[in-house]
Amino acid sequence: MARSQEKSQRKASGGRYHFVRTKRKFELARYAANTKVTEARKVRSTRTVGGNQKKALLEVSHINVADAKGKSVKAKILNVVENPANPNLVRRNIITKGAVVETEKGRVRVTSRPGQESALNGVLI
């Protein structure tokens, strides 16, 4: 069955809503990208409305790090240190926006959305 972004079929009381129409392709949801720390870089592309492409970053080894002065350098990711969104993602080395990763340059907080933008940017802490 397809994952959908439309309203739930159940009411708060447990009763059912009866919808007038069926699901549409533009209402499809996607599974989370779960960007992992590995040696290679792997990107998944999805066709969207209008024939456009959305790219999700699945595996990555480097991050673009910006320092306090705004200068950016590329640094190798060693591992994921913390993730305020979900502590279980730290054990699995999964990167999301807001996660803190350990790099060669030091600790970096991720500012981009790797599952949406297929890029990994961050700022030094």
PDB file of N, CA and C in Angstrom:
ATOM      1  N   MET A   1       0.843  -1.179   0.000  1.00  0.00           N
ATOM      2  CA  MET A   1       0.000   0.000   0.000  1.00  0.00           C
ATOM      3  C   MET A   1       0.888   1.241   0.000  1.00  0.00           C
ATOM      4  N   ALA A   2       0.477   2.254  -0.711  1.00  0.00           N
ATOM      5  CA  ALA A   2       1.280   3.475  -0.832  1.00  0.00           C
ATOM      6  C   ALA A   2       1.201   4.314   0.436  1.00  0.00           C
ATOM      7  N   ARG A   3       2.317   4.967   0.768  1.00  0.00           N
ATOM      8  CA  ARG A   3       2.336   5.905   1.903  1.00  0.00           C
ATOM      9  C   ARG A   3       1.739   7.218   1.413  1.00  0.00           C
ATOM     10  N   SER A   4       0.859   7.795   2.226  1.00  0.00           N
ATOM     11  CA  SER A   4       0.139   8.983   1.793  1.00  0.00           C
ATOM     12  C   SER A   4       0.291  10.100   2.807  1.00  0.00           C
ATOM     13  N   GLN A   5       0.172  11.350   2.333  1.00  0.00           N
ATOM     14  CA  GLN A   5       0.243  12.513   3.217  1.00  0.00           C
ATOM     15  C   GLN A   5      -1.139  13.050   3.546  1.00  0.00           C
ATOM     16  N   GLU A   6      -2.194  12.350   3.118  1.00  0.00           N
ATOM     17  CA  GLU A   6      -3.534  12.870   3.379  1.00  0.00           C
ATOM     18  C   GLU A   6      -3.967  12.571   4.811  1.00  0.00           C
ATOM     19  N   LYS A   7      -5.118  13.116   5.192  1.00  0.00           N
ATOM     20  CA  LYS A   7      -5.644  13.005   6.551  1.00  0.00           C
ATOM     21  C   LYS A   7      -5.886  11.544   6.924  1.00  0.00           C
ATOM     22  N   SER A   8      -5.818  11.230   8.211  1.00  0.00           N
ATOM     23  CA  SER A   8      -6.055   9.883   8.701  1.00  0.00           C
ATOM     24  C   SER A   8      -7.473   9.439   8.383  1.00  0.00           C
ATOM     25  N   GLN A   9      -7.679   8.139   8.225  1.00  0.00           N
ATOM     26  CA  GLN A   9      -9.011   7.622   7.934  1.00  0.00           C
ATOM     27  C   GLN A   9      -9.835   7.427   9.207  1.00  0.00           C
ATOM     28  N   ARG A  10      -9.228   7.651  10.362  1.00  0.00           N
ATOM     29  CA  ARG A  10      -9.921   7.453  11.637  1.00  0.00           C
ATOM     30  C   ARG A  10     -10.113   8.766  12.383  1.00  0.00           C
ATOM     31  N   LYS A  11     -11.243   8.896  13.034  1.00  0.00           N
ATOM     32  CA  LYS A  11     -11.516  10.043  13.894  1.00  0.00           C
ATOM     33  C   LYS A  11     -10.860   9.810  15.246  1.00  0.00           C
ATOM     34  N   ALA A  12     -10.830  10.838  16.095  1.00  0.00           N
ATOM     35  CA  ALA A  12     -10.271  10.707  17.440  1.00  0.00           C
ATOM     36  C   ALA A  12     -11.078   9.701  18.254  1.00  0.00           C
ATOM     37  N   SER A  13     -12.379   9.594  17.968  1.00  0.00           N
ATOM     38  CA  SER A  13     -13.256   8.665  18.691  1.00  0.00           C
ATOM     39  C   SER A  13     -13.083   7.228  18.225  1.00  0.00           C
ATOM     40  N   GLY A  14     -12.387   7.030  17.096  1.00  0.00           N
ATOM     41  CA  GLY A  14     -12.198   5.686  16.555  1.00  0.00           C
ATOM     42  C   GLY A  14     -13.094   5.400  15.368  1.00  0.00           C
ATOM     43  N   GLY A  15     -14.063   6.281  15.120  1.00  0.00           N
ATOM     44  CA  GLY A  15     -14.943   6.116  13.963  1.00  0.00           C
ATOM     45  C   GLY A  15     -14.192   6.395  12.676  1.00  0.00           C
ATOM     46  N   ARG A  16     -14.801   6.036  11.528  1.00  0.00           N
ATOM     47  CA  ARG A  16     -14.137   6.212  10.233  1.00  0.00           C
ATOM     48  C   ARG A  16     -14.638   7.436   9.504  1.00  0.00           C
ATOM     49  N   TYR A  17     -13.733   8.088   8.767  1.00  0.00           N
ATOM     50  CA  TYR A  17     -14.122   9.099   7.798  1.00  0.00           C
ATOM     51  C   TYR A  17     -14.370   8.381   6.477  1.00  0.00           C
ATOM     52  N   HIS A  18     -15.355   8.810   5.718  1.00  0.00           N
ATOM     53  CA  HIS A  18     -15.601   8.242   4.392  1.00  0.00           C
ATOM     54  C   HIS A  18     -15.238   9.296   3.369  1.00  0.00           C
ATOM     55  N   PHE A  19     -14.163   9.043   2.596  1.00  0.00           N
ATOM     56  CA  PHE A  19     -13.647  10.026   1.665  1.00  0.00           C
ATOM     57  C   PHE A  19     -14.400   9.987   0.337  1.00  0.00           C
ATOM     58  N   VAL A  20     -14.490  11.154  -0.292  1.00  0.00           N
ATOM     59  CA  VAL A  20     -15.201  11.285  -1.549  1.00  0.00           C
ATOM     60  C   VAL A  20     -14.345  10.771  -2.705  1.00  0.00           C
ATOM     61  N   ARG A  21     -13.031  10.905  -2.594  1.00  0.00           N
ATOM     62  CA  ARG A  21     -12.158  10.501  -3.686  1.00  0.00           C
ATOM     63  C   ARG A  21     -11.025   9.616  -3.179  1.00  0.00           C
ATOM     64  N   THR A  22     -10.295   9.013  -4.137  1.00  0.00           N
ATOM     65  CA  THR A  22      -9.189   8.122  -3.786  1.00  0.00           C
ATOM     66  C   THR A  22      -7.892   8.909  -3.684  1.00  0.00           C
ATOM     67  N   LYS A  23      -6.801   8.195  -3.391  1.00  0.00           N
ATOM     68  CA  LYS A  23      -5.486   8.832  -3.284  1.00  0.00           C
ATOM     69  C   LYS A  23      -5.019   9.332  -4.638  1.00  0.00           C
ATOM     70  N   ARG A  24      -4.182  10.367  -4.631  1.00  0.00           N
ATOM     71  CA  ARG A  24      -3.621  10.923  -5.853  1.00  0.00           C
ATOM     72  C   ARG A  24      -2.100  10.797  -5.805  1.00  0.00           C
ATOM     73  N   LYS A  25      -1.483  10.767  -6.967  1.00  0.00           N
ATOM     74  CA  LYS A  25      -0.026  10.597  -7.027  1.00  0.00           C
ATOM     75  C   LYS A  25       0.703  11.732  -6.326  1.00  0.00           C
ATOM     76  N   PHE A  26       0.186  12.973  -6.411  1.00  0.00           N
ATOM     77  CA  PHE A  26       0.868  14.099  -5.786  1.00  0.00           C
ATOM     78  C   PHE A  26       0.738  14.097  -4.265  1.00  0.00           C
ATOM     79  N   GLU A  27      -0.058  13.191  -3.712  1.00  0.00           N
ATOM     80  CA  GLU A  27      -0.196  13.066  -2.259  1.00  0.00           C
ATOM     81  C   GLU A  27       0.704  11.978  -1.685  1.00  0.00           C
ATOM     82  N   LEU A  28       1.500  11.323  -2.522  1.00  0.00           N
ATOM     83  CA  LEU A  28       2.376  10.253  -2.050  1.00  0.00           C
ATOM     84  C   LEU A  28       3.411  10.777  -1.072  1.00  0.00           C
ATOM     85  N   ALA A  29       3.703   9.996  -0.062  1.00  0.00           N
ATOM     86  CA  ALA A  29       4.763  10.318   0.890  1.00  0.00           C
ATOM     87  C   ALA A  29       5.979   9.467   0.546  1.00  0.00           C
ATOM     88  N   ARG A  30       7.151   9.861   1.088  1.00  0.00           N
ATOM     89  CA  ARG A  30       8.367   9.088   0.847  1.00  0.00           C
ATOM     90  C   ARG A  30       8.894   8.538   2.168  1.00  0.00           C
ATOM     91  N   TYR A  31       9.636   7.466   2.079  1.00  0.00           N
ATOM     92  CA  TYR A  31      10.316   6.957   3.259  1.00  0.00           C
ATOM     93  C   TYR A  31      11.469   7.883   3.603  1.00  0.00           C
ATOM     94  N   ALA A  32      11.872   7.920   4.858  1.00  0.00           N
ATOM     95  CA  ALA A  32      12.985   8.760   5.289  1.00  0.00           C
ATOM     96  C   ALA A  32      14.268   8.306   4.599  1.00  0.00           C
ATOM     97  N   ALA A  33      15.143   9.260   4.290  1.00  0.00           N
ATOM     98  CA  ALA A  33      16.379   8.948   3.573  1.00  0.00           C
ATOM     99  C   ALA A  33      17.362   8.195   4.468  1.00  0.00           C
ATOM    100  N   ASN A  34      17.364   8.482   5.781  1.00  0.00           N
ATOM    101  CA  ASN A  34      18.286   7.850   6.737  1.00  0.00           C
ATOM    102  C   ASN A  34      19.729   7.904   6.228  1.00  0.00           C
ATOM    103  N   THR A  35      20.249   9.116   6.073  1.00  0.00           N
ATOM    104  CA  THR A  35      21.594   9.338   5.559  1.00  0.00           C
ATOM    105  C   THR A  35      22.632   8.733   6.498  1.00  0.00           C
ATOM    106  N   LYS A  36      23.432   7.799   5.987  1.00  0.00           N
ATOM    107  CA  LYS A  36      24.414   7.083   6.805  1.00  0.00           C
ATOM    108  C   LYS A  36      25.830   7.572   6.513  1.00  0.00           C
ATOM    109  N   VAL A  37      26.727   7.360   7.478  1.00  0.00           N
ATOM    110  CA  VAL A  37      28.138   7.707   7.322  1.00  0.00           C
ATOM    111  C   VAL A  37      28.863   6.492   6.756  1.00  0.00           C
ATOM    112  N   THR A  38      29.318   6.599   5.492  1.00  0.00           N
ATOM    113  CA  THR A  38      30.094   5.533   4.850  1.00  0.00           C
ATOM    114  C   THR A  38      31.204   6.163   4.021  1.00  0.00           C
ATOM    115  N   GLU A  39      31.978   5.352   3.329  1.00  0.00           N
ATOM    116  CA  GLU A  39      33.090   5.856   2.524  1.00  0.00           C
ATOM    117  C   GLU A  39      32.617   6.457   1.207  1.00  0.00           C
ATOM    118  N   ALA A  40      31.579   5.907   0.616  1.00  0.00           N
ATOM    119  CA  ALA A  40      31.109   6.373  -0.694  1.00  0.00           C
ATOM    120  C   ALA A  40      29.999   7.407  -0.531  1.00  0.00           C
ATOM    121  N   ARG A  41      29.653   8.069  -1.655  1.00  0.00           N
ATOM    122  CA  ARG A  41      28.538   9.020  -1.677  1.00  0.00           C
ATOM    123  C   ARG A  41      27.457   8.420  -2.555  1.00  0.00           C
ATOM    124  N   LYS A  42      26.244   8.307  -2.010  1.00  0.00           N
ATOM    125  CA  LYS A  42      25.145   7.689  -2.746  1.00  0.00           C
ATOM    126  C   LYS A  42      23.929   8.603  -2.673  1.00  0.00           C
ATOM    127  N   VAL A  43      23.315   8.881  -3.843  1.00  0.00           N
ATOM    128  CA  VAL A  43      22.164   9.783  -3.930  1.00  0.00           C
ATOM    129  C   VAL A  43      21.017   9.068  -4.625  1.00  0.00           C
ATOM    130  N   ARG A  44      19.805   9.246  -4.097  1.00  0.00           N
ATOM    131  CA  ARG A  44      18.605   8.697  -4.725  1.00  0.00           C
ATOM    132  C   ARG A  44      17.807   9.852  -5.323  1.00  0.00           C
ATOM    133  N   SER A  45      17.371   9.713  -6.571  1.00  0.00           N
ATOM    134  CA  SER A  45      16.566  10.770  -7.170  1.00  0.00           C
ATOM    135  C   SER A  45      15.148  10.256  -7.392  1.00  0.00           C
ATOM    136  N   THR A  46      14.185  11.147  -7.211  1.00  0.00           N
ATOM    137  CA  THR A  46      12.774  10.820  -7.341  1.00  0.00           C
ATOM    138  C   THR A  46      12.124  11.804  -8.297  1.00  0.00           C
ATOM    139  N   ARG A  47      11.281  11.310  -9.197  1.00  0.00           N
ATOM    140  CA  ARG A  47      10.559  12.191 -10.103  1.00  0.00           C
ATOM    141  C   ARG A  47       9.395  12.809  -9.346  1.00  0.00           C
ATOM    142  N   THR A  48       9.230  14.127  -9.503  1.00  0.00           N
ATOM    143  CA  THR A  48       8.165  14.838  -8.821  1.00  0.00           C
ATOM    144  C   THR A  48       7.208  15.450  -9.846  1.00  0.00           C
ATOM    145  N   VAL A  49       6.227  16.183  -9.351  1.00  0.00           N
ATOM    146  CA  VAL A  49       5.228  16.807 -10.218  1.00  0.00           C
ATOM    147  C   VAL A  49       5.920  17.767 -11.188  1.00  0.00           C
ATOM    148  N   GLY A  50       5.555  17.712 -12.453  1.00  0.00           N
ATOM    149  CA  GLY A  50       6.137  18.580 -13.464  1.00  0.00           C
ATOM    150  C   GLY A  50       7.408  18.014 -14.058  1.00  0.00           C
ATOM    151  N   GLY A  51       7.750  16.765 -13.721  1.00  0.00           N
ATOM    152  CA  GLY A  51       8.948  16.148 -14.269  1.00  0.00           C
ATOM    153  C   GLY A  51      10.233  16.586 -13.605  1.00  0.00           C
ATOM    154  N   ASN A  52      10.129  17.320 -12.492  1.00  0.00           N
ATOM    155  CA  ASN A  52      11.319  17.753 -11.775  1.00  0.00           C
ATOM    156  C   ASN A  52      11.918  16.593 -10.984  1.00  0.00           C
ATOM    157  N   GLN A  53      13.101  16.810 -10.459  1.00  0.00           N
ATOM    158  CA  GLN A  53      13.797  15.775  -9.690  1.00  0.00           C
ATOM    159  C   GLN A  53      14.030  16.247  -8.263  1.00  0.00           C
ATOM    160  N   LYS A  54      13.818  15.338  -7.298  1.00  0.00           N
ATOM    161  CA  LYS A  54      14.222  15.577  -5.913  1.00  0.00           C
ATOM    162  C   LYS A  54      15.329  14.587  -5.620  1.00  0.00           C
ATOM    163  N   LYS A  55      16.396  15.051  -4.999  1.00  0.00           N
ATOM    164  CA  LYS A  55      17.519  14.174  -4.707  1.00  0.00           C
ATOM    165  C   LYS A  55      17.687  14.040  -3.197  1.00  0.00           C
ATOM    166  N   ALA A  56      17.823  12.799  -2.744  1.00  0.00           N
ATOM    167  CA  ALA A  56      18.016  12.516  -1.323  1.00  0.00           C
ATOM    168  C   ALA A  56      19.385  11.875  -1.136  1.00  0.00           C
ATOM    169  N   LEU A  57      20.130  12.349  -0.162  1.00  0.00           N
ATOM    170  CA  LEU A  57      21.460  11.827   0.141  1.00  0.00           C
ATOM    171  C   LEU A  57      21.316  10.592   1.029  1.00  0.00           C
ATOM    172  N   LEU A  58      21.798   9.435   0.564  1.00  0.00           N
ATOM    173  CA  LEU A  58      21.662   8.187   1.314  1.00  0.00           C
ATOM    174  C   LEU A  58      22.930   7.834   2.082  1.00  0.00           C
ATOM    175  N   GLU A  59      24.096   8.061   1.468  1.00  0.00           N
ATOM    176  CA  GLU A  59      25.373   7.754   2.113  1.00  0.00           C
ATOM    177  C   GLU A  59      26.344   8.895   1.838  1.00  0.00           C
ATOM    178  N   VAL A  60      27.168   9.232   2.822  1.00  0.00           N
ATOM    179  CA  VAL A  60      28.083  10.367   2.688  1.00  0.00           C
ATOM    180  C   VAL A  60      29.308  10.143   3.570  1.00  0.00           C
ATOM    181  N   SER A  61      30.426  10.758   3.178  1.00  0.00           N
ATOM    182  CA  SER A  61      31.650  10.632   3.977  1.00  0.00           C
ATOM    183  C   SER A  61      32.230  11.990   4.362  1.00  0.00           C
ATOM    184  N   HIS A  62      31.834  13.075   3.665  1.00  0.00           N
ATOM    185  CA  HIS A  62      32.380  14.405   3.940  1.00  0.00           C
ATOM    186  C   HIS A  62      31.262  15.416   4.176  1.00  0.00           C
ATOM    187  N   ILE A  63      31.607  16.504   4.848  1.00  0.00           N
ATOM    188  CA  ILE A  63      30.663  17.578   5.132  1.00  0.00           C
ATOM    189  C   ILE A  63      31.331  18.916   4.843  1.00  0.00           C
ATOM    190  N   ASN A  64      30.550  19.895   4.358  1.00  0.00           N
ATOM    191  CA  ASN A  64      31.043  21.252   4.154  1.00  0.00           C
ATOM    192  C   ASN A  64      30.913  22.006   5.473  1.00  0.00           C
ATOM    193  N   VAL A  65      32.046  22.419   6.040  1.00  0.00           N
ATOM    194  CA  VAL A  65      32.060  23.048   7.364  1.00  0.00           C
ATOM    195  C   VAL A  65      32.334  24.539   7.231  1.00  0.00           C
ATOM    196  N   ALA A  66      31.465  25.355   7.820  1.00  0.00           N
ATOM    197  CA  ALA A  66      31.657  26.806   7.847  1.00  0.00           C
ATOM    198  C   ALA A  66      32.118  27.203   9.248  1.00  0.00           C
ATOM    199  N   ASP A  67      33.166  28.033   9.324  1.00  0.00           N
ATOM    200  CA  ASP A  67      33.624  28.508  10.635  1.00  0.00           C
ATOM    201  C   ASP A  67      32.922  29.823  10.978  1.00  0.00           C
ATOM    202  N   ALA A  68      33.320  30.457  12.069  1.00  0.00           N
ATOM    203  CA  ALA A  68      32.670  31.689  12.545  1.00  0.00           C
ATOM    204  C   ALA A  68      32.807  32.843  11.554  1.00  0.00           C
ATOM    205  N   LYS A  69      33.893  32.855  10.772  1.00  0.00           N
ATOM    206  CA  LYS A  69      34.119  33.936   9.809  1.00  0.00           C
ATOM    207  C   LYS A  69      33.388  33.704   8.490  1.00  0.00           C
ATOM    208  N   GLY A  70      32.772  32.515   8.313  1.00  0.00           N
ATOM    209  CA  GLY A  70      32.034  32.221   7.097  1.00  0.00           C
ATOM    210  C   GLY A  70      32.835  31.464   6.057  1.00  0.00           C
ATOM    211  N   LYS A  71      34.098  31.154   6.355  1.00  0.00           N
ATOM    212  CA  LYS A  71      34.924  30.395   5.409  1.00  0.00           C
ATOM    213  C   LYS A  71      34.550  28.918   5.499  1.00  0.00           C
ATOM    214  N   SER A  72      34.377  28.275   4.324  1.00  0.00           N
ATOM    215  CA  SER A  72      33.959  26.880   4.283  1.00  0.00           C
ATOM    216  C   SER A  72      35.091  25.971   3.817  1.00  0.00           C
ATOM    217  N   VAL A  73      35.202  24.815   4.451  1.00  0.00           N
ATOM    218  CA  VAL A  73      36.161  23.786   4.056  1.00  0.00           C
ATOM    219  C   VAL A  73      35.456  22.431   4.096  1.00  0.00           C
ATOM    220  N   LYS A  74      35.996  21.484   3.348  1.00  0.00           N
ATOM    221  CA  LYS A  74      35.438  20.137   3.312  1.00  0.00           C
ATOM    222  C   LYS A  74      36.150  19.289   4.361  1.00  0.00           C
ATOM    223  N   ALA A  75      35.399  18.578   5.195  1.00  0.00           N
ATOM    224  CA  ALA A  75      36.002  17.771   6.262  1.00  0.00           C
ATOM    225  C   ALA A  75      35.412  16.362   6.252  1.00  0.00           C
ATOM    226  N   LYS A  76      36.229  15.391   6.641  1.00  0.00           N
ATOM    227  CA  LYS A  76      35.790  13.997   6.706  1.00  0.00           C
ATOM    228  C   LYS A  76      34.998  13.770   7.988  1.00  0.00           C
ATOM    229  N   ILE A  77      33.876  13.067   7.869  1.00  0.00           N
ATOM    230  CA  ILE A  77      33.039  12.748   9.032  1.00  0.00           C
ATOM    231  C   ILE A  77      33.585  11.492   9.690  1.00  0.00           C
ATOM    232  N   LEU A  78      33.784  11.553  11.013  1.00  0.00           N
ATOM    233  CA  LEU A  78      34.255  10.392  11.758  1.00  0.00           C
ATOM    234  C   LEU A  78      33.078   9.582  12.303  1.00  0.00           C
ATOM    235  N   ASN A  79      32.146  10.246  13.015  1.00  0.00           N
ATOM    236  CA  ASN A  79      30.933   9.575  13.479  1.00  0.00           C
ATOM    237  C   ASN A  79      29.914  10.594  13.973  1.00  0.00           C
ATOM    238  N   VAL A  80      28.706  10.110  14.270  1.00  0.00           N
ATOM    239  CA  VAL A  80      27.640  10.962  14.782  1.00  0.00           C
ATOM    240  C   VAL A  80      27.733  10.963  16.302  1.00  0.00           C
ATOM    241  N   VAL A  81      27.751  12.165  16.898  1.00  0.00           N
ATOM    242  CA  VAL A  81      27.932  12.296  18.343  1.00  0.00           C
ATOM    243  C   VAL A  81      26.598  12.420  19.067  1.00  0.00           C
ATOM    244  N   GLU A  82      25.706  13.300  18.576  1.00  0.00           N
ATOM    245  CA  GLU A  82      24.394  13.448  19.210  1.00  0.00           C
ATOM    246  C   GLU A  82      23.365  13.895  18.190  1.00  0.00           C
ATOM    247  N   ASN A  83      22.097  13.625  18.527  1.00  0.00           N
ATOM    248  CA  ASN A  83      20.989  14.032  17.676  1.00  0.00           C
ATOM    249  C   ASN A  83      19.797  14.361  18.566  1.00  0.00           C
ATOM    250  N   PRO A  84      19.469  15.657  18.703  1.00  0.00           N
ATOM    251  CA  PRO A  84      18.370  16.028  19.596  1.00  0.00           C
ATOM    252  C   PRO A  84      17.007  15.509  19.127  1.00  0.00           C
ATOM    253  N   ALA A  85      16.850  15.260  17.812  1.00  0.00           N
ATOM    254  CA  ALA A  85      15.571  14.782  17.290  1.00  0.00           C
ATOM    255  C   ALA A  85      15.284  13.358  17.750  1.00  0.00           C
ATOM    256  N   ASN A  86      16.303  12.501  17.737  1.00  0.00           N
ATOM    257  CA  ASN A  86      16.092  11.094  18.090  1.00  0.00           C
ATOM    258  C   ASN A  86      17.422  10.469  18.509  1.00  0.00           C
ATOM    259  N   PRO A  87      17.590  10.133  19.787  1.00  0.00           N
ATOM    260  CA  PRO A  87      18.858   9.542  20.256  1.00  0.00           C
ATOM    261  C   PRO A  87      19.177   8.192  19.608  1.00  0.00           C
ATOM    262  N   ASN A  88      18.164   7.467  19.133  1.00  0.00           N
ATOM    263  CA  ASN A  88      18.413   6.165  18.511  1.00  0.00           C
ATOM    264  C   ASN A  88      19.170   6.298  17.190  1.00  0.00           C
ATOM    265  N   LEU A  89      19.079   7.459  16.533  1.00  0.00           N
ATOM    266  CA  LEU A  89      19.778   7.662  15.267  1.00  0.00           C
ATOM    267  C   LEU A  89      21.288   7.747  15.475  1.00  0.00           C
ATOM    268  N   VAL A  90      21.731   8.126  16.669  1.00  0.00           N
ATOM    269  CA  VAL A  90      23.170   8.237  16.959  1.00  0.00           C
ATOM    270  C   VAL A  90      23.825   6.872  16.878  1.00  0.00           C
ATOM    271  N   ARG A  91      23.193   5.863  17.442  1.00  0.00           N
ATOM    272  CA  ARG A  91      23.746   4.509  17.438  1.00  0.00           C
ATOM    273  C   ARG A  91      23.884   3.953  16.026  1.00  0.00           C
ATOM    274  N   ARG A  92      22.964   4.344  15.148  1.00  0.00           N
ATOM    275  CA  ARG A  92      22.962   3.841  13.778  1.00  0.00           C
ATOM    276  C   ARG A  92      23.766   4.724  12.841  1.00  0.00           C
ATOM    277  N   ASN A  93      24.421   5.798  13.354  1.00  0.00           N
ATOM    278  CA  ASN A  93      25.224   6.736  12.554  1.00  0.00           C
ATOM    279  C   ASN A  93      24.399   7.359  11.438  1.00  0.00           C
ATOM    280  N   ILE A  94      23.173   7.804  11.757  1.00  0.00           N
ATOM    281  CA  ILE A  94      22.290   8.437  10.781  1.00  0.00           C
ATOM    282  C   ILE A  94      22.300   9.944  11.006  1.00  0.00           C
ATOM    283  N   ILE A  95      22.449  10.694   9.890  1.00  0.00           N
ATOM    284  CA  ILE A  95      22.571  12.152   9.960  1.00  0.00           C
ATOM    285  C   ILE A  95      21.262  12.800   9.538  1.00  0.00           C
ATOM    286  N   THR A  96      20.763  13.722  10.367  1.00  0.00           N
ATOM    287  CA  THR A  96      19.619  14.555  10.029  1.00  0.00           C
ATOM    288  C   THR A  96      19.987  16.000  10.336  1.00  0.00           C
ATOM    289  N   LYS A  97      19.101  16.936   9.985  1.00  0.00           N
ATOM    290  CA  LYS A  97      19.341  18.337  10.318  1.00  0.00           C
ATOM    291  C   LYS A  97      19.356  18.486  11.835  1.00  0.00           C
ATOM    292  N   GLY A  98      20.344  19.205  12.354  1.00  0.00           N
ATOM    293  CA  GLY A  98      20.469  19.414  13.786  1.00  0.00           C
ATOM    294  C   GLY A  98      21.377  18.411  14.475  1.00  0.00           C
ATOM    295  N   ALA A  99      21.764  17.354  13.778  1.00  0.00           N
ATOM    296  CA  ALA A  99      22.654  16.354  14.371  1.00  0.00           C
ATOM    297  C   ALA A  99      24.046  16.943  14.550  1.00  0.00           C
ATOM    298  N   VAL A 100      24.761  16.460  15.547  1.00  0.00           N
ATOM    299  CA  VAL A 100      26.141  16.892  15.792  1.00  0.00           C
ATOM    300  C   VAL A 100      27.060  15.745  15.382  1.00  0.00           C
ATOM    301  N   VAL A 101      28.006  16.034  14.470  1.00  0.00           N
ATOM    302  CA  VAL A 101      28.937  15.016  13.991  1.00  0.00           C
ATOM    303  C   VAL A 101      30.364  15.391  14.368  1.00  0.00           C
ATOM    304  N   GLU A 102      31.170  14.378  14.566  1.00  0.00           N
ATOM    305  CA  GLU A 102      32.592  14.564  14.857  1.00  0.00           C
ATOM    306  C   GLU A 102      33.344  14.523  13.530  1.00  0.00           C
ATOM    307  N   THR A 103      34.162  15.573  13.266  1.00  0.00           N
ATOM    308  CA  THR A 103      34.941  15.629  12.028  1.00  0.00           C
ATOM    309  C   THR A 103      36.415  15.853  12.365  1.00  0.00           C
ATOM    310  N   GLU A 104      37.227  15.931  11.302  1.00  0.00           N
ATOM    311  CA  GLU A 104      38.651  16.230  11.484  1.00  0.00           C
ATOM    312  C   GLU A 104      38.838  17.627  12.060  1.00  0.00           C
ATOM    313  N   LYS A 105      37.938  18.550  11.757  1.00  0.00           N
ATOM    314  CA  LYS A 105      38.040  19.944  12.210  1.00  0.00           C
ATOM    315  C   LYS A 105      37.459  20.155  13.601  1.00  0.00           C
ATOM    316  N   GLY A 106      36.698  19.181  14.110  1.00  0.00           N
ATOM    317  CA  GLY A 106      36.036  19.302  15.414  1.00  0.00           C
ATOM    318  C   GLY A 106      34.571  18.943  15.293  1.00  0.00           C
ATOM    319  N   ARG A 107      33.806  19.332  16.314  1.00  0.00           N
ATOM    320  CA  ARG A 107      32.375  19.037  16.300  1.00  0.00           C
ATOM    321  C   ARG A 107      31.632  20.023  15.395  1.00  0.00           C
ATOM    322  N   VAL A 108      30.695  19.483  14.608  1.00  0.00           N
ATOM    323  CA  VAL A 108      29.949  20.283  13.634  1.00  0.00           C
ATOM    324  C   VAL A 108      28.461  19.971  13.765  1.00  0.00           C
ATOM    325  N   ARG A 109      27.621  21.033  13.783  1.00  0.00           N
ATOM    326  CA  ARG A 109      26.174  20.861  13.781  1.00  0.00           C
ATOM    327  C   ARG A 109      25.673  20.965  12.344  1.00  0.00           C
ATOM    328  N   VAL A 110      24.878  20.003  11.904  1.00  0.00           N
ATOM    329  CA  VAL A 110      24.370  19.955  10.529  1.00  0.00           C
ATOM    330  C   VAL A 110      23.270  21.001  10.362  1.00  0.00           C
ATOM    331  N   THR A 111      23.390  21.851   9.321  1.00  0.00           N
ATOM    332  CA  THR A 111      22.405  22.901   9.062  1.00  0.00           C
ATOM    333  C   THR A 111      21.554  22.618   7.827  1.00  0.00           C
ATOM    334  N   SER A 112      21.977  21.689   6.980  1.00  0.00           N
ATOM    335  CA  SER A 112      21.199  21.367   5.778  1.00  0.00           C
ATOM    336  C   SER A 112      20.315  20.153   6.046  1.00  0.00           C
ATOM    337  N   ARG A 113      19.423  19.879   5.104  1.00  0.00           N
ATOM    338  CA  ARG A 113      18.535  18.723   5.214  1.00  0.00           C
ATOM    339  C   ARG A 113      18.979  17.683   4.187  1.00  0.00           C
ATOM    340  N   PRO A 114      19.817  16.718   4.583  1.00  0.00           N
ATOM    341  CA  PRO A 114      20.384  15.781   3.613  1.00  0.00           C
ATOM    342  C   PRO A 114      19.345  14.933   2.883  1.00  0.00           C
ATOM    343  N   GLY A 115      18.212  14.653   3.498  1.00  0.00           N
ATOM    344  CA  GLY A 115      17.178  13.862   2.846  1.00  0.00           C
ATOM    345  C   GLY A 115      16.372  14.643   1.836  1.00  0.00           C
ATOM    346  N   GLN A 116      16.528  15.970   1.812  1.00  0.00           N
ATOM    347  CA  GLN A 116      15.765  16.821   0.905  1.00  0.00           C
ATOM    348  C   GLN A 116      16.649  17.515  -0.122  1.00  0.00           C
ATOM    349  N   GLU A 117      17.885  17.863   0.262  1.00  0.00           N
ATOM    350  CA  GLU A 117      18.717  18.723  -0.577  1.00  0.00           C
ATOM    351  C   GLU A 117      19.904  18.003  -1.216  1.00  0.00           C
ATOM    352  N   SER A 118      20.191  16.795  -0.802  1.00  0.00           N
ATOM    353  CA  SER A 118      21.342  16.000  -1.253  1.00  0.00           C
ATOM    354  C   SER A 118      22.658  16.737  -1.072  1.00  0.00           C
ATOM    355  N   ALA A 119      22.728  17.564  -0.025  1.00  0.00           N
ATOM    356  CA  ALA A 119      23.964  18.253   0.340  1.00  0.00           C
ATOM    357  C   ALA A 119      24.108  18.171   1.843  1.00  0.00           C
ATOM    358  N   LEU A 120      25.343  18.227   2.331  1.00  0.00           N
ATOM    359  CA  LEU A 120      25.582  18.162   3.765  1.00  0.00           C
ATOM    360  C   LEU A 120      26.450  19.338   4.168  1.00  0.00           C
ATOM    361  N   ASN A 121      25.848  20.319   4.835  1.00  0.00           N
ATOM    362  CA  ASN A 121      26.538  21.525   5.307  1.00  0.00           C
ATOM    363  C   ASN A 121      26.398  21.609   6.820  1.00  0.00           C
ATOM    364  N   GLY A 122      27.362  22.277   7.457  1.00  0.00           N
ATOM    365  CA  GLY A 122      27.292  22.446   8.901  1.00  0.00           C
ATOM    366  C   GLY A 122      28.157  23.576   9.384  1.00  0.00           C
ATOM    367  N   VAL A 123      28.003  23.912  10.663  1.00  0.00           N
ATOM    368  CA  VAL A 123      28.800  24.973  11.295  1.00  0.00           C
ATOM    369  C   VAL A 123      29.557  24.393  12.478  1.00  0.00           C
ATOM    370  N   LEU A 124      30.758  24.924  12.705  1.00  0.00           N
ATOM    371  CA  LEU A 124      31.553  24.480  13.848  1.00  0.00           C
ATOM    372  C   LEU A 124      30.900  24.899  15.150  1.00  0.00           C
ATOM    373  N   ILE A 125      30.985  24.016  16.140  1.00  0.00           N
ATOM    374  CA  ILE A 125      30.450  24.346  17.467  1.00  0.00           C
ATOM    375  C   ILE A 125      31.593  24.815  18.352  1.00  0.00           C
TER     376      ILE A 125
END
